[in-house]
Amino acid sequence: MLEYKGYRAEVEFDDSVRAFVGYVIDTRDQITFQATSVDELEVEFRRSVDDYLEWCKSDGVDPDKPYSGNLVLRIPEALHRELAHAAADAGASLNSYISHQLQKTTRKPS
């Protein structure tokens, strides 16, 4: 997995063109690149991201970011109520309570 300026890419080898083809993931905009060597692949990935960001700047468009920090989540009403009560009992907002609980479950043990 390649990563640059918060953007990540997946790479496949395309036999038909005998080249590596990369796709920036987690964004609605299509950012692609290709290369014939691993070293060139990283250069082309970075160039594609930089070109995309420059295009956004010149067109006055906000670049699509891989993750905005906003998450729309549909949950059962009863769970929503239980979480709201637990957040109130903890003296926290519902958002910060859920964020804290999720962080506890996704952190790797040291």
PDB file of N, CA and C in Angstrom:
ATOM      1  N   MET A   1       0.852  -1.167   0.000  1.00  0.00           N
ATOM      2  CA  MET A   1       0.000   0.000   0.000  1.00  0.00           C
ATOM      3  C   MET A   1       0.900   1.232   0.000  1.00  0.00           C
ATOM      4  N   LEU A   2       0.626   2.148  -0.891  1.00  0.00           N
ATOM      5  CA  LEU A   2       1.371   3.412  -0.963  1.00  0.00           C
ATOM      6  C   LEU A   2       0.600   4.487  -0.205  1.00  0.00           C
ATOM      7  N   GLU A   3       1.313   5.412   0.450  1.00  0.00           N
ATOM      8  CA  GLU A   3       0.667   6.506   1.169  1.00  0.00           C
ATOM      9  C   GLU A   3       1.470   7.780   0.981  1.00  0.00           C
ATOM     10  N   TYR A   4       0.742   8.887   0.738  1.00  0.00           N
ATOM     11  CA  TYR A   4       1.380  10.180   0.505  1.00  0.00           C
ATOM     12  C   TYR A   4       0.354  11.281   0.765  1.00  0.00           C
ATOM     13  N   LYS A   5       0.698  12.220   1.622  1.00  0.00           N
ATOM     14  CA  LYS A   5      -0.156  13.366   1.950  1.00  0.00           C
ATOM     15  C   LYS A   5      -1.559  12.936   2.378  1.00  0.00           C
ATOM     16  N   GLY A   6      -1.651  11.816   3.069  1.00  0.00           N
ATOM     17  CA  GLY A   6      -2.943  11.333   3.545  1.00  0.00           C
ATOM     18  C   GLY A   6      -3.720  10.517   2.537  1.00  0.00           C
ATOM     19  N   TYR A   7      -3.217  10.388   1.319  1.00  0.00           N
ATOM     20  CA  TYR A   7      -3.869   9.597   0.284  1.00  0.00           C
ATOM     21  C   TYR A   7      -3.199   8.237   0.213  1.00  0.00           C
ATOM     22  N   ARG A   8      -4.009   7.208   0.007  1.00  0.00           N
ATOM     23  CA  ARG A   8      -3.487   5.841  -0.092  1.00  0.00           C
ATOM     24  C   ARG A   8      -3.872   5.247  -1.438  1.00  0.00           C
ATOM     25  N   ALA A   9      -3.010   4.364  -1.912  1.00  0.00           N
ATOM     26  CA  ALA A   9      -3.271   3.773  -3.226  1.00  0.00           C
ATOM     27  C   ALA A   9      -3.062   2.266  -3.193  1.00  0.00           C
ATOM     28  N   GLU A  10      -3.827   1.604  -4.015  1.00  0.00           N
ATOM     29  CA  GLU A  10      -3.661   0.172  -4.256  1.00  0.00           C
ATOM     30  C   GLU A  10      -3.079   0.016  -5.653  1.00  0.00           C
ATOM     31  N   VAL A  11      -2.318  -1.049  -5.832  1.00  0.00           N
ATOM     32  CA  VAL A  11      -1.624  -1.265  -7.102  1.00  0.00           C
ATOM     33  C   VAL A  11      -1.892  -2.681  -7.605  1.00  0.00           C
ATOM     34  N   GLU A  12      -2.071  -2.802  -8.907  1.00  0.00           N
ATOM     35  CA  GLU A  12      -2.228  -4.102  -9.568  1.00  0.00           C
ATOM     36  C   GLU A  12      -1.244  -4.154 -10.731  1.00  0.00           C
ATOM     37  N   PHE A  13      -0.918  -5.357 -11.150  1.00  0.00           N
ATOM     38  CA  PHE A  13      -0.111  -5.498 -12.362  1.00  0.00           C
ATOM     39  C   PHE A  13      -1.042  -5.835 -13.502  1.00  0.00           C
ATOM     40  N   ASP A  14      -0.996  -5.047 -14.561  1.00  0.00           N
ATOM     41  CA  ASP A  14      -1.842  -5.250 -15.732  1.00  0.00           C
ATOM     42  C   ASP A  14      -1.012  -5.930 -16.824  1.00  0.00           C
ATOM     43  N   ASP A  15      -1.284  -7.214 -17.027  1.00  0.00           N
ATOM     44  CA  ASP A  15      -0.547  -7.981 -18.040  1.00  0.00           C
ATOM     45  C   ASP A  15      -0.704  -7.411 -19.442  1.00  0.00           C
ATOM     46  N   SER A  16      -1.876  -6.840 -19.729  1.00  0.00           N
ATOM     47  CA  SER A  16      -2.135  -6.371 -21.091  1.00  0.00           C
ATOM     48  C   SER A  16      -1.228  -5.197 -21.480  1.00  0.00           C
ATOM     49  N   VAL A  17      -0.809  -4.398 -20.520  1.00  0.00           N
ATOM     50  CA  VAL A  17       0.090  -3.283 -20.822  1.00  0.00           C
ATOM     51  C   VAL A  17       1.464  -3.472 -20.183  1.00  0.00           C
ATOM     52  N   ARG A  18       1.629  -4.605 -19.491  1.00  0.00           N
ATOM     53  CA  ARG A  18       2.886  -4.946 -18.815  1.00  0.00           C
ATOM     54  C   ARG A  18       3.375  -3.802 -17.936  1.00  0.00           C
ATOM     55  N   ALA A  19       2.443  -3.316 -17.093  1.00  0.00           N
ATOM     56  CA  ALA A  19       2.781  -2.207 -16.208  1.00  0.00           C
ATOM     57  C   ALA A  19       1.984  -2.320 -14.916  1.00  0.00           C
ATOM     58  N   PHE A  20       2.492  -1.687 -13.896  1.00  0.00           N
ATOM     59  CA  PHE A  20       1.766  -1.548 -12.645  1.00  0.00           C
ATOM     60  C   PHE A  20       0.769  -0.410 -12.816  1.00  0.00           C
ATOM     61  N   VAL A  21      -0.458  -0.630 -12.357  1.00  0.00           N
ATOM     62  CA  VAL A  21      -1.495   0.386 -12.438  1.00  0.00           C
ATOM     63  C   VAL A  21      -1.976   0.647 -11.021  1.00  0.00           C
ATOM     64  N   GLY A  22      -1.993   1.918 -10.633  1.00  0.00           N
ATOM     65  CA  GLY A  22      -2.390   2.278  -9.282  1.00  0.00           C
ATOM     66  C   GLY A  22      -3.641   3.122  -9.257  1.00  0.00           C
ATOM     67  N   TYR A  23      -4.386   2.996  -8.152  1.00  0.00           N
ATOM     68  CA  TYR A  23      -5.628   3.723  -7.950  1.00  0.00           C
ATOM     69  C   TYR A  23      -5.610   4.310  -6.545  1.00  0.00           C
ATOM     70  N   VAL A  24      -5.849   5.606  -6.431  1.00  0.00           N
ATOM     71  CA  VAL A  24      -5.983   6.211  -5.111  1.00  0.00           C
ATOM     72  C   VAL A  24      -7.347   5.798  -4.577  1.00  0.00           C
ATOM     73  N   ILE A  25      -7.354   5.298  -3.355  1.00  0.00           N
ATOM     74  CA  ILE A  25      -8.589   4.778  -2.759  1.00  0.00           C
ATOM     75  C   ILE A  25      -9.148   5.771  -1.739  1.00  0.00           C
ATOM     76  N   ASP A  26     -10.345   5.516  -1.285  1.00  0.00           N
ATOM     77  CA  ASP A  26     -11.012   6.295  -0.240  1.00  0.00           C
ATOM     78  C   ASP A  26     -11.264   7.745  -0.636  1.00  0.00           C
ATOM     79  N   THR A  27     -11.483   7.987  -1.896  1.00  0.00           N
ATOM     80  CA  THR A  27     -11.845   9.312  -2.382  1.00  0.00           C
ATOM     81  C   THR A  27     -12.825   9.136  -3.536  1.00  0.00           C
ATOM     82  N   ARG A  28     -13.716  10.083  -3.682  1.00  0.00           N
ATOM     83  CA  ARG A  28     -14.695   9.991  -4.777  1.00  0.00           C
ATOM     84  C   ARG A  28     -14.069  10.365  -6.114  1.00  0.00           C
ATOM     85  N   ASP A  29     -13.028  11.189  -6.075  1.00  0.00           N
ATOM     86  CA  ASP A  29     -12.364  11.593  -7.315  1.00  0.00           C
ATOM     87  C   ASP A  29     -11.468  10.465  -7.815  1.00  0.00           C
ATOM     88  N   GLN A  30     -11.342  10.364  -9.116  1.00  0.00           N
ATOM     89  CA  GLN A  30     -10.534   9.304  -9.712  1.00  0.00           C
ATOM     90  C   GLN A  30      -9.106   9.791  -9.918  1.00  0.00           C
ATOM     91  N   ILE A  31      -8.176   9.171  -9.193  1.00  0.00           N
ATOM     92  CA  ILE A  31      -6.766   9.506  -9.313  1.00  0.00           C
ATOM     93  C   ILE A  31      -6.044   8.201  -9.623  1.00  0.00           C
ATOM     94  N   THR A  32      -5.437   8.128 -10.797  1.00  0.00           N
ATOM     95  CA  THR A  32      -4.765   6.904 -11.215  1.00  0.00           C
ATOM     96  C   THR A  32      -3.337   7.214 -11.656  1.00  0.00           C
ATOM     97  N   PHE A  33      -2.543   6.166 -11.773  1.00  0.00           N
ATOM     98  CA  PHE A  33      -1.161   6.315 -12.233  1.00  0.00           C
ATOM     99  C   PHE A  33      -0.678   4.946 -12.682  1.00  0.00           C
ATOM    100  N   GLN A  34       0.407   4.940 -13.441  1.00  0.00           N
ATOM    101  CA  GLN A  34       0.990   3.662 -13.855  1.00  0.00           C
ATOM    102  C   GLN A  34       2.483   3.816 -14.039  1.00  0.00           C
ATOM    103  N   ALA A  35       3.182   2.674 -13.970  1.00  0.00           N
ATOM    104  CA  ALA A  35       4.637   2.665 -14.092  1.00  0.00           C
ATOM    105  C   ALA A  35       5.091   1.251 -14.426  1.00  0.00           C
ATOM    106  N   THR A  36       6.320   1.141 -14.893  1.00  0.00           N
ATOM    107  CA  THR A  36       6.852  -0.180 -15.241  1.00  0.00           C
ATOM    108  C   THR A  36       7.836  -0.716 -14.209  1.00  0.00           C
ATOM    109  N   SER A  37       8.166   0.097 -13.198  1.00  0.00           N
ATOM    110  CA  SER A  37       9.041  -0.395 -12.130  1.00  0.00           C
ATOM    111  C   SER A  37       8.491   0.076 -10.784  1.00  0.00           C
ATOM    112  N   VAL A  38       8.932  -0.565  -9.740  1.00  0.00           N
ATOM    113  CA  VAL A  38       8.475  -0.211  -8.396  1.00  0.00           C
ATOM    114  C   VAL A  38       8.924   1.204  -8.032  1.00  0.00           C
ATOM    115  N   ASP A  39      10.167   1.553  -8.332  1.00  0.00           N
ATOM    116  CA  ASP A  39      10.655   2.899  -8.029  1.00  0.00           C
ATOM    117  C   ASP A  39       9.852   3.964  -8.779  1.00  0.00           C
ATOM    118  N   GLU A  40       9.597   3.712 -10.048  1.00  0.00           N
ATOM    119  CA  GLU A  40       8.831   4.656 -10.861  1.00  0.00           C
ATOM    120  C   GLU A  40       7.387   4.757 -10.355  1.00  0.00           C
ATOM    121  N   LEU A  41       6.874   3.653  -9.838  1.00  0.00           N
ATOM    122  CA  LEU A  41       5.510   3.609  -9.330  1.00  0.00           C
ATOM    123  C   LEU A  41       5.315   4.619  -8.198  1.00  0.00           C
ATOM    124  N   GLU A  42       6.238   4.658  -7.261  1.00  0.00           N
ATOM    125  CA  GLU A  42       6.125   5.597  -6.148  1.00  0.00           C
ATOM    126  C   GLU A  42       6.209   7.041  -6.644  1.00  0.00           C
ATOM    127  N   VAL A  43       7.106   7.305  -7.581  1.00  0.00           N
ATOM    128  CA  VAL A  43       7.238   8.653  -8.144  1.00  0.00           C
ATOM    129  C   VAL A  43       5.937   9.062  -8.833  1.00  0.00           C
ATOM    130  N   GLU A  44       5.360   8.176  -9.616  1.00  0.00           N
ATOM    131  CA  GLU A  44       4.135   8.488 -10.351  1.00  0.00           C
ATOM    132  C   GLU A  44       2.939   8.668  -9.416  1.00  0.00           C
ATOM    133  N   PHE A  45       2.910   7.886  -8.356  1.00  0.00           N
ATOM    134  CA  PHE A  45       1.841   8.043  -7.355  1.00  0.00           C
ATOM    135  C   PHE A  45       1.905   9.444  -6.745  1.00  0.00           C
ATOM    136  N   ARG A  46       3.087   9.833  -6.298  1.00  0.00           N
ATOM    137  CA  ARG A  46       3.251  11.160  -5.700  1.00  0.00           C
ATOM    138  C   ARG A  46       2.933  12.262  -6.708  1.00  0.00           C
ATOM    139  N   ARG A  47       3.369  12.083  -7.922  1.00  0.00           N
ATOM    140  CA  ARG A  47       3.094  13.071  -8.971  1.00  0.00           C
ATOM    141  C   ARG A  47       1.588  13.188  -9.213  1.00  0.00           C
ATOM    142  N   SER A  48       0.900  12.072  -9.242  1.00  0.00           N
ATOM    143  CA  SER A  48      -0.550  12.101  -9.473  1.00  0.00           C
ATOM    144  C   SER A  48      -1.284  12.826  -8.354  1.00  0.00           C
ATOM    145  N   VAL A  49      -0.889  12.570  -7.114  1.00  0.00           N
ATOM    146  CA  VAL A  49      -1.518  13.261  -5.984  1.00  0.00           C
ATOM    147  C   VAL A  49      -1.217  14.758  -6.063  1.00  0.00           C
ATOM    148  N   ASP A  50       0.042  15.104  -6.308  1.00  0.00           N
ATOM    149  CA  ASP A  50       0.417  16.518  -6.417  1.00  0.00           C
ATOM    150  C   ASP A  50      -0.325  17.204  -7.563  1.00  0.00           C
ATOM    151  N   ASP A  51      -0.435  16.539  -8.715  1.00  0.00           N
ATOM    152  CA  ASP A  51      -1.170  17.101  -9.857  1.00  0.00           C
ATOM    153  C   ASP A  51      -2.644  17.316  -9.499  1.00  0.00           C
ATOM    154  N   TYR A  52      -3.226  16.348  -8.804  1.00  0.00           N
ATOM    155  CA  TYR A  52      -4.626  16.451  -8.389  1.00  0.00           C
ATOM    156  C   TYR A  52      -4.815  17.659  -7.470  1.00  0.00           C
ATOM    157  N   LEU A  53      -3.940  17.796  -6.481  1.00  0.00           N
ATOM    158  CA  LEU A  53      -4.046  18.909  -5.538  1.00  0.00           C
ATOM    159  C   LEU A  53      -3.843  20.253  -6.243  1.00  0.00           C
ATOM    160  N   GLU A  54      -2.924  20.297  -7.191  1.00  0.00           N
ATOM    161  CA  GLU A  54      -2.684  21.526  -7.955  1.00  0.00           C
ATOM    162  C   GLU A  54      -3.891  21.851  -8.836  1.00  0.00           C
ATOM    163  N   TRP A  55      -4.488  20.840  -9.451  1.00  0.00           N
ATOM    164  CA  TRP A  55      -5.681  21.051 -10.275  1.00  0.00           C
ATOM    165  C   TRP A  55      -6.807  21.618  -9.417  1.00  0.00           C
ATOM    166  N   CYS A  56      -7.008  21.051  -8.227  1.00  0.00           N
ATOM    167  CA  CYS A  56      -8.056  21.544  -7.326  1.00  0.00           C
ATOM    168  C   CYS A  56      -7.803  23.009  -6.973  1.00  0.00           C
ATOM    169  N   LYS A  57      -6.562  23.322  -6.661  1.00  0.00           N
ATOM    170  CA  LYS A  57      -6.203  24.694  -6.287  1.00  0.00           C
ATOM    171  C   LYS A  57      -6.454  25.660  -7.442  1.00  0.00           C
ATOM    172  N   SER A  58      -6.029  25.289  -8.646  1.00  0.00           N
ATOM    173  CA  SER A  58      -6.190  26.187  -9.796  1.00  0.00           C
ATOM    174  C   SER A  58      -7.647  26.363 -10.195  1.00  0.00           C
ATOM    175  N   ASP A  59      -8.482  25.339  -9.940  1.00  0.00           N
ATOM    176  CA  ASP A  59      -9.910  25.433 -10.266  1.00  0.00           C
ATOM    177  C   ASP A  59     -10.743  25.953  -9.094  1.00  0.00           C
ATOM    178  N   GLY A  60     -10.099  26.217  -7.957  1.00  0.00           N
ATOM    179  CA  GLY A  60     -10.815  26.706  -6.782  1.00  0.00           C
ATOM    180  C   GLY A  60     -11.745  25.685  -6.166  1.00  0.00           C
ATOM    181  N   VAL A  61     -11.367  24.420  -6.280  1.00  0.00           N
ATOM    182  CA  VAL A  61     -12.184  23.318  -5.772  1.00  0.00           C
ATOM    183  C   VAL A  61     -11.488  22.712  -4.552  1.00  0.00           C
ATOM    184  N   ASP A  62     -12.258  22.385  -3.520  1.00  0.00           N
ATOM    185  CA  ASP A  62     -11.671  21.699  -2.373  1.00  0.00           C
ATOM    186  C   ASP A  62     -11.373  20.258  -2.772  1.00  0.00           C
ATOM    187  N   PRO A  63     -10.149  19.797  -2.515  1.00  0.00           N
ATOM    188  CA  PRO A  63      -9.830  18.403  -2.850  1.00  0.00           C
ATOM    189  C   PRO A  63     -10.634  17.447  -1.980  1.00  0.00           C
ATOM    190  N   ASP A  64     -11.029  16.354  -2.581  1.00  0.00           N
ATOM    191  CA  ASP A  64     -11.732  15.325  -1.827  1.00  0.00           C
ATOM    192  C   ASP A  64     -10.716  14.659  -0.914  1.00  0.00           C
ATOM    193  N   LYS A  65     -10.979  14.670   0.366  1.00  0.00           N
ATOM    194  CA  LYS A  65     -10.064  14.071   1.329  1.00  0.00           C
ATOM    195  C   LYS A  65     -10.520  12.658   1.632  1.00  0.00           C
ATOM    196  N   PRO A  66      -9.564  11.762   1.838  1.00  0.00           N
ATOM    197  CA  PRO A  66      -9.929  10.372   2.091  1.00  0.00           C
ATOM    198  C   PRO A  66     -10.888  10.194   3.263  1.00  0.00           C
ATOM    199  N   TYR A  67     -10.709  10.945   4.337  1.00  0.00           N
ATOM    200  CA  TYR A  67     -11.595  10.817   5.494  1.00  0.00           C
ATOM    201  C   TYR A  67     -11.860  12.202   6.057  1.00  0.00           C
ATOM    202  N   SER A  68     -13.111  12.536   6.229  1.00  0.00           N
ATOM    203  CA  SER A  68     -13.478  13.866   6.702  1.00  0.00           C
ATOM    204  C   SER A  68     -13.588  13.938   8.219  1.00  0.00           C
ATOM    205  N   GLY A  69     -13.738  12.787   8.867  1.00  0.00           N
ATOM    206  CA  GLY A  69     -13.978  12.799  10.303  1.00  0.00           C
ATOM    207  C   GLY A  69     -15.462  12.753  10.622  1.00  0.00           C
ATOM    208  N   ASN A  70     -16.299  12.811   9.582  1.00  0.00           N
ATOM    209  CA  ASN A  70     -17.750  12.700   9.773  1.00  0.00           C
ATOM    210  C   ASN A  70     -18.188  11.316   9.339  1.00  0.00           C
ATOM    211  N   LEU A  71     -19.049  10.721  10.140  1.00  0.00           N
ATOM    212  CA  LEU A  71     -19.528   9.374   9.845  1.00  0.00           C
ATOM    213  C   LEU A  71     -21.021   9.323  10.127  1.00  0.00           C
ATOM    214  N   VAL A  72     -21.797   9.005   9.118  1.00  0.00           N
ATOM    215  CA  VAL A  72     -23.234   8.849   9.309  1.00  0.00           C
ATOM    216  C   VAL A  72     -23.480   7.378   9.623  1.00  0.00           C
ATOM    217  N   LEU A  73     -24.156   7.150  10.721  1.00  0.00           N
ATOM    218  CA  LEU A  73     -24.342   5.786  11.197  1.00  0.00           C
ATOM    219  C   LEU A  73     -25.801   5.569  11.575  1.00  0.00           C
ATOM    220  N   ARG A  74     -26.394   4.524  11.062  1.00  0.00           N
ATOM    221  CA  ARG A  74     -27.766   4.190  11.429  1.00  0.00           C
ATOM    222  C   ARG A  74     -27.715   3.036  12.426  1.00  0.00           C
ATOM    223  N   ILE A  75     -28.361   3.252  13.576  1.00  0.00           N
ATOM    224  CA  ILE A  75     -28.388   2.227  14.624  1.00  0.00           C
ATOM    225  C   ILE A  75     -29.814   2.115  15.145  1.00  0.00           C
ATOM    226  N   PRO A  76     -30.134   1.011  15.793  1.00  0.00           N
ATOM    227  CA  PRO A  76     -31.484   0.861  16.356  1.00  0.00           C
ATOM    228  C   PRO A  76     -31.769   1.952  17.409  1.00  0.00           C
ATOM    229  N   GLU A  77     -33.032   2.363  17.497  1.00  0.00           N
ATOM    230  CA  GLU A  77     -33.420   3.412  18.447  1.00  0.00           C
ATOM    231  C   GLU A  77     -33.033   3.060  19.880  1.00  0.00           C
ATOM    232  N   ALA A  78     -33.217   1.816  20.254  1.00  0.00           N
ATOM    233  CA  ALA A  78     -32.900   1.406  21.631  1.00  0.00           C
ATOM    234  C   ALA A  78     -31.408   1.579  21.924  1.00  0.00           C
ATOM    235  N   LEU A  79     -30.562   1.238  20.973  1.00  0.00           N
ATOM    236  CA  LEU A  79     -29.119   1.405  21.160  1.00  0.00           C
ATOM    237  C   LEU A  79     -28.769   2.887  21.236  1.00  0.00           C
ATOM    238  N   HIS A  80     -29.408   3.700  20.413  1.00  0.00           N
ATOM    239  CA  HIS A  80     -29.187   5.148  20.440  1.00  0.00           C
ATOM    240  C   HIS A  80     -29.507   5.690  21.839  1.00  0.00           C
ATOM    241  N   ARG A  81     -30.632   5.265  22.375  1.00  0.00           N
ATOM    242  CA  ARG A  81     -31.054   5.703  23.716  1.00  0.00           C
ATOM    243  C   ARG A  81     -30.051   5.261  24.776  1.00  0.00           C
ATOM    244  N   GLU A  82     -29.622   3.986  24.706  1.00  0.00           N
ATOM    245  CA  GLU A  82     -28.651   3.468  25.679  1.00  0.00           C
ATOM    246  C   GLU A  82     -27.333   4.238  25.606  1.00  0.00           C
ATOM    247  N   LEU A  83     -26.884   4.533  24.418  1.00  0.00           N
ATOM    248  CA  LEU A  83     -25.640   5.288  24.258  1.00  0.00           C
ATOM    249  C   LEU A  83     -25.778   6.710  24.788  1.00  0.00           C
ATOM    250  N   ALA A  84     -26.929   7.341  24.523  1.00  0.00           N
ATOM    251  CA  ALA A  84     -27.160   8.700  25.024  1.00  0.00           C
ATOM    252  C   ALA A  84     -27.158   8.723  26.547  1.00  0.00           C
ATOM    253  N   HIS A  85     -27.777   7.723  27.156  1.00  0.00           N
ATOM    254  CA  HIS A  85     -27.796   7.643  28.625  1.00  0.00           C
ATOM    255  C   HIS A  85     -26.390   7.389  29.168  1.00  0.00           C
ATOM    256  N   ALA A  86     -25.653   6.494  28.532  1.00  0.00           N
ATOM    257  CA  ALA A  86     -24.284   6.196  28.977  1.00  0.00           C
ATOM    258  C   ALA A  86     -23.401   7.441  28.846  1.00  0.00           C
ATOM    259  N   ALA A  87     -23.582   8.200  27.768  1.00  0.00           N
ATOM    260  CA  ALA A  87     -22.805   9.424  27.577  1.00  0.00           C
ATOM    261  C   ALA A  87     -23.140  10.435  28.665  1.00  0.00           C
ATOM    262  N   ALA A  88     -24.425  10.591  28.958  1.00  0.00           N
ATOM    263  CA  ALA A  88     -24.845  11.528  30.007  1.00  0.00           C
ATOM    264  C   ALA A  88     -24.277  11.101  31.359  1.00  0.00           C
ATOM    265  N   ASP A  89     -24.334   9.803  31.647  1.00  0.00           N
ATOM    266  CA  ASP A  89     -23.778   9.290  32.913  1.00  0.00           C
ATOM    267  C   ASP A  89     -22.282   9.558  33.009  1.00  0.00           C
ATOM    268  N   ALA A  90     -21.592   9.545  31.873  1.00  0.00           N
ATOM    269  CA  ALA A  90     -20.146   9.788  31.843  1.00  0.00           C
ATOM    270  C   ALA A  90     -19.827  11.283  31.785  1.00  0.00           C
ATOM    271  N   GLY A  91     -20.869  12.121  31.665  1.00  0.00           N
ATOM    272  CA  GLY A  91     -20.651  13.563  31.581  1.00  0.00           C
ATOM    273  C   GLY A  91     -20.043  13.991  30.261  1.00  0.00           C
ATOM    274  N   ALA A  92     -20.363  13.266  29.204  1.00  0.00           N
ATOM    275  CA  ALA A  92     -19.780  13.540  27.888  1.00  0.00           C
ATOM    276  C   ALA A  92     -20.884  13.722  26.859  1.00  0.00           C
ATOM    277  N   SER A  93     -20.538  14.354  25.746  1.00  0.00           N
ATOM    278  CA  SER A  93     -21.491  14.420  24.640  1.00  0.00           C
ATOM    279  C   SER A  93     -21.589  13.032  24.011  1.00  0.00           C
ATOM    280  N   LEU A  94     -22.675  12.792  23.324  1.00  0.00           N
ATOM    281  CA  LEU A  94     -22.844  11.504  22.650  1.00  0.00           C
ATOM    282  C   LEU A  94     -21.719  11.269  21.652  1.00  0.00           C
ATOM    283  N   ASN A  95     -21.363  12.298  20.890  1.00  0.00           N
ATOM    284  CA  ASN A  95     -20.295  12.176  19.906  1.00  0.00           C
ATOM    285  C   ASN A  95     -18.970  11.795  20.562  1.00  0.00           C
ATOM    286  N   SER A  96     -18.573  12.517  21.606  1.00  0.00           N
ATOM    287  CA  SER A  96     -17.276  12.219  22.238  1.00  0.00           C
ATOM    288  C   SER A  96     -17.302  10.867  22.943  1.00  0.00           C
ATOM    289  N   TYR A  97     -18.444  10.493  23.504  1.00  0.00           N
ATOM    290  CA  TYR A  97     -18.557   9.187  24.165  1.00  0.00           C
ATOM    291  C   TYR A  97     -18.359   8.056  23.155  1.00  0.00           C
ATOM    292  N   ILE A  98     -19.059   8.129  22.032  1.00  0.00           N
ATOM    293  CA  ILE A  98     -18.940   7.078  21.018  1.00  0.00           C
ATOM    294  C   ILE A  98     -17.534   7.065  20.436  1.00  0.00           C
ATOM    295  N   SER A  99     -16.975   8.236  20.172  1.00  0.00           N
ATOM    296  CA  SER A  99     -15.613   8.312  19.645  1.00  0.00           C
ATOM    297  C   SER A  99     -14.628   7.640  20.605  1.00  0.00           C
ATOM    298  N   HIS A 100     -14.771   7.926  21.890  1.00  0.00           N
ATOM    299  CA  HIS A 100     -13.888   7.326  22.902  1.00  0.00           C
ATOM    300  C   HIS A 100     -14.048   5.803  22.924  1.00  0.00           C
ATOM    301  N   GLN A 101     -15.281   5.333  22.869  1.00  0.00           N
ATOM    302  CA  GLN A 101     -15.521   3.881  22.896  1.00  0.00           C
ATOM    303  C   GLN A 101     -14.925   3.197  21.664  1.00  0.00           C
ATOM    304  N   LEU A 102     -15.053   3.831  20.516  1.00  0.00           N
ATOM    305  CA  LEU A 102     -14.488   3.255  19.295  1.00  0.00           C
ATOM    306  C   LEU A 102     -12.962   3.246  19.349  1.00  0.00           C
ATOM    307  N   GLN A 103     -12.372   4.309  19.869  1.00  0.00           N
ATOM    308  CA  GLN A 103     -10.913   4.351  19.994  1.00  0.00           C
ATOM    309  C   GLN A 103     -10.407   3.223  20.884  1.00  0.00           C
ATOM    310  N   LYS A 104     -11.129   2.920  21.929  1.00  0.00           N
ATOM    311  CA  LYS A 104     -10.712   1.834  22.832  1.00  0.00           C
ATOM    312  C   LYS A 104     -10.718   0.485  22.124  1.00  0.00           C
ATOM    313  N   THR A 105     -11.625   0.309  21.187  1.00  0.00           N
ATOM    314  CA  THR A 105     -11.710  -0.992  20.513  1.00  0.00           C
ATOM    315  C   THR A 105     -10.773  -1.130  19.330  1.00  0.00           C
ATOM    316  N   THR A 106     -10.242  -0.005  18.824  1.00  0.00           N
ATOM    317  CA  THR A 106      -9.391  -0.081  17.632  1.00  0.00           C
ATOM    318  C   THR A 106      -7.913   0.114  17.938  1.00  0.00           C
ATOM    319  N   ARG A 107      -7.577   0.502  19.140  1.00  0.00           N
ATOM    320  CA  ARG A 107      -6.152   0.693  19.495  1.00  0.00           C
ATOM    321  C   ARG A 107      -5.493  -0.649  19.714  1.00  0.00           C
ATOM    322  N   LYS A 108      -4.291  -0.771  19.166  1.00  0.00           N
ATOM    323  CA  LYS A 108      -3.527  -2.007  19.317  1.00  0.00           C
ATOM    324  C   LYS A 108      -2.852  -2.011  20.680  1.00  0.00           C
ATOM    325  N   PRO A 109      -2.843  -3.165  21.348  1.00  0.00           N
ATOM    326  CA  PRO A 109      -2.165  -3.227  22.652  1.00  0.00           C
ATOM    327  C   PRO A 109      -0.663  -2.972  22.491  1.00  0.00           C
ATOM    328  N   SER A 110      -0.070  -2.311  23.499  1.00  0.00           N
ATOM    329  CA  SER A 110       1.367  -2.018  23.414  1.00  0.00           C
ATOM    330  C   SER A 110       2.207  -3.213  23.763  1.00  0.00           C
TER     331      SER A 110
END
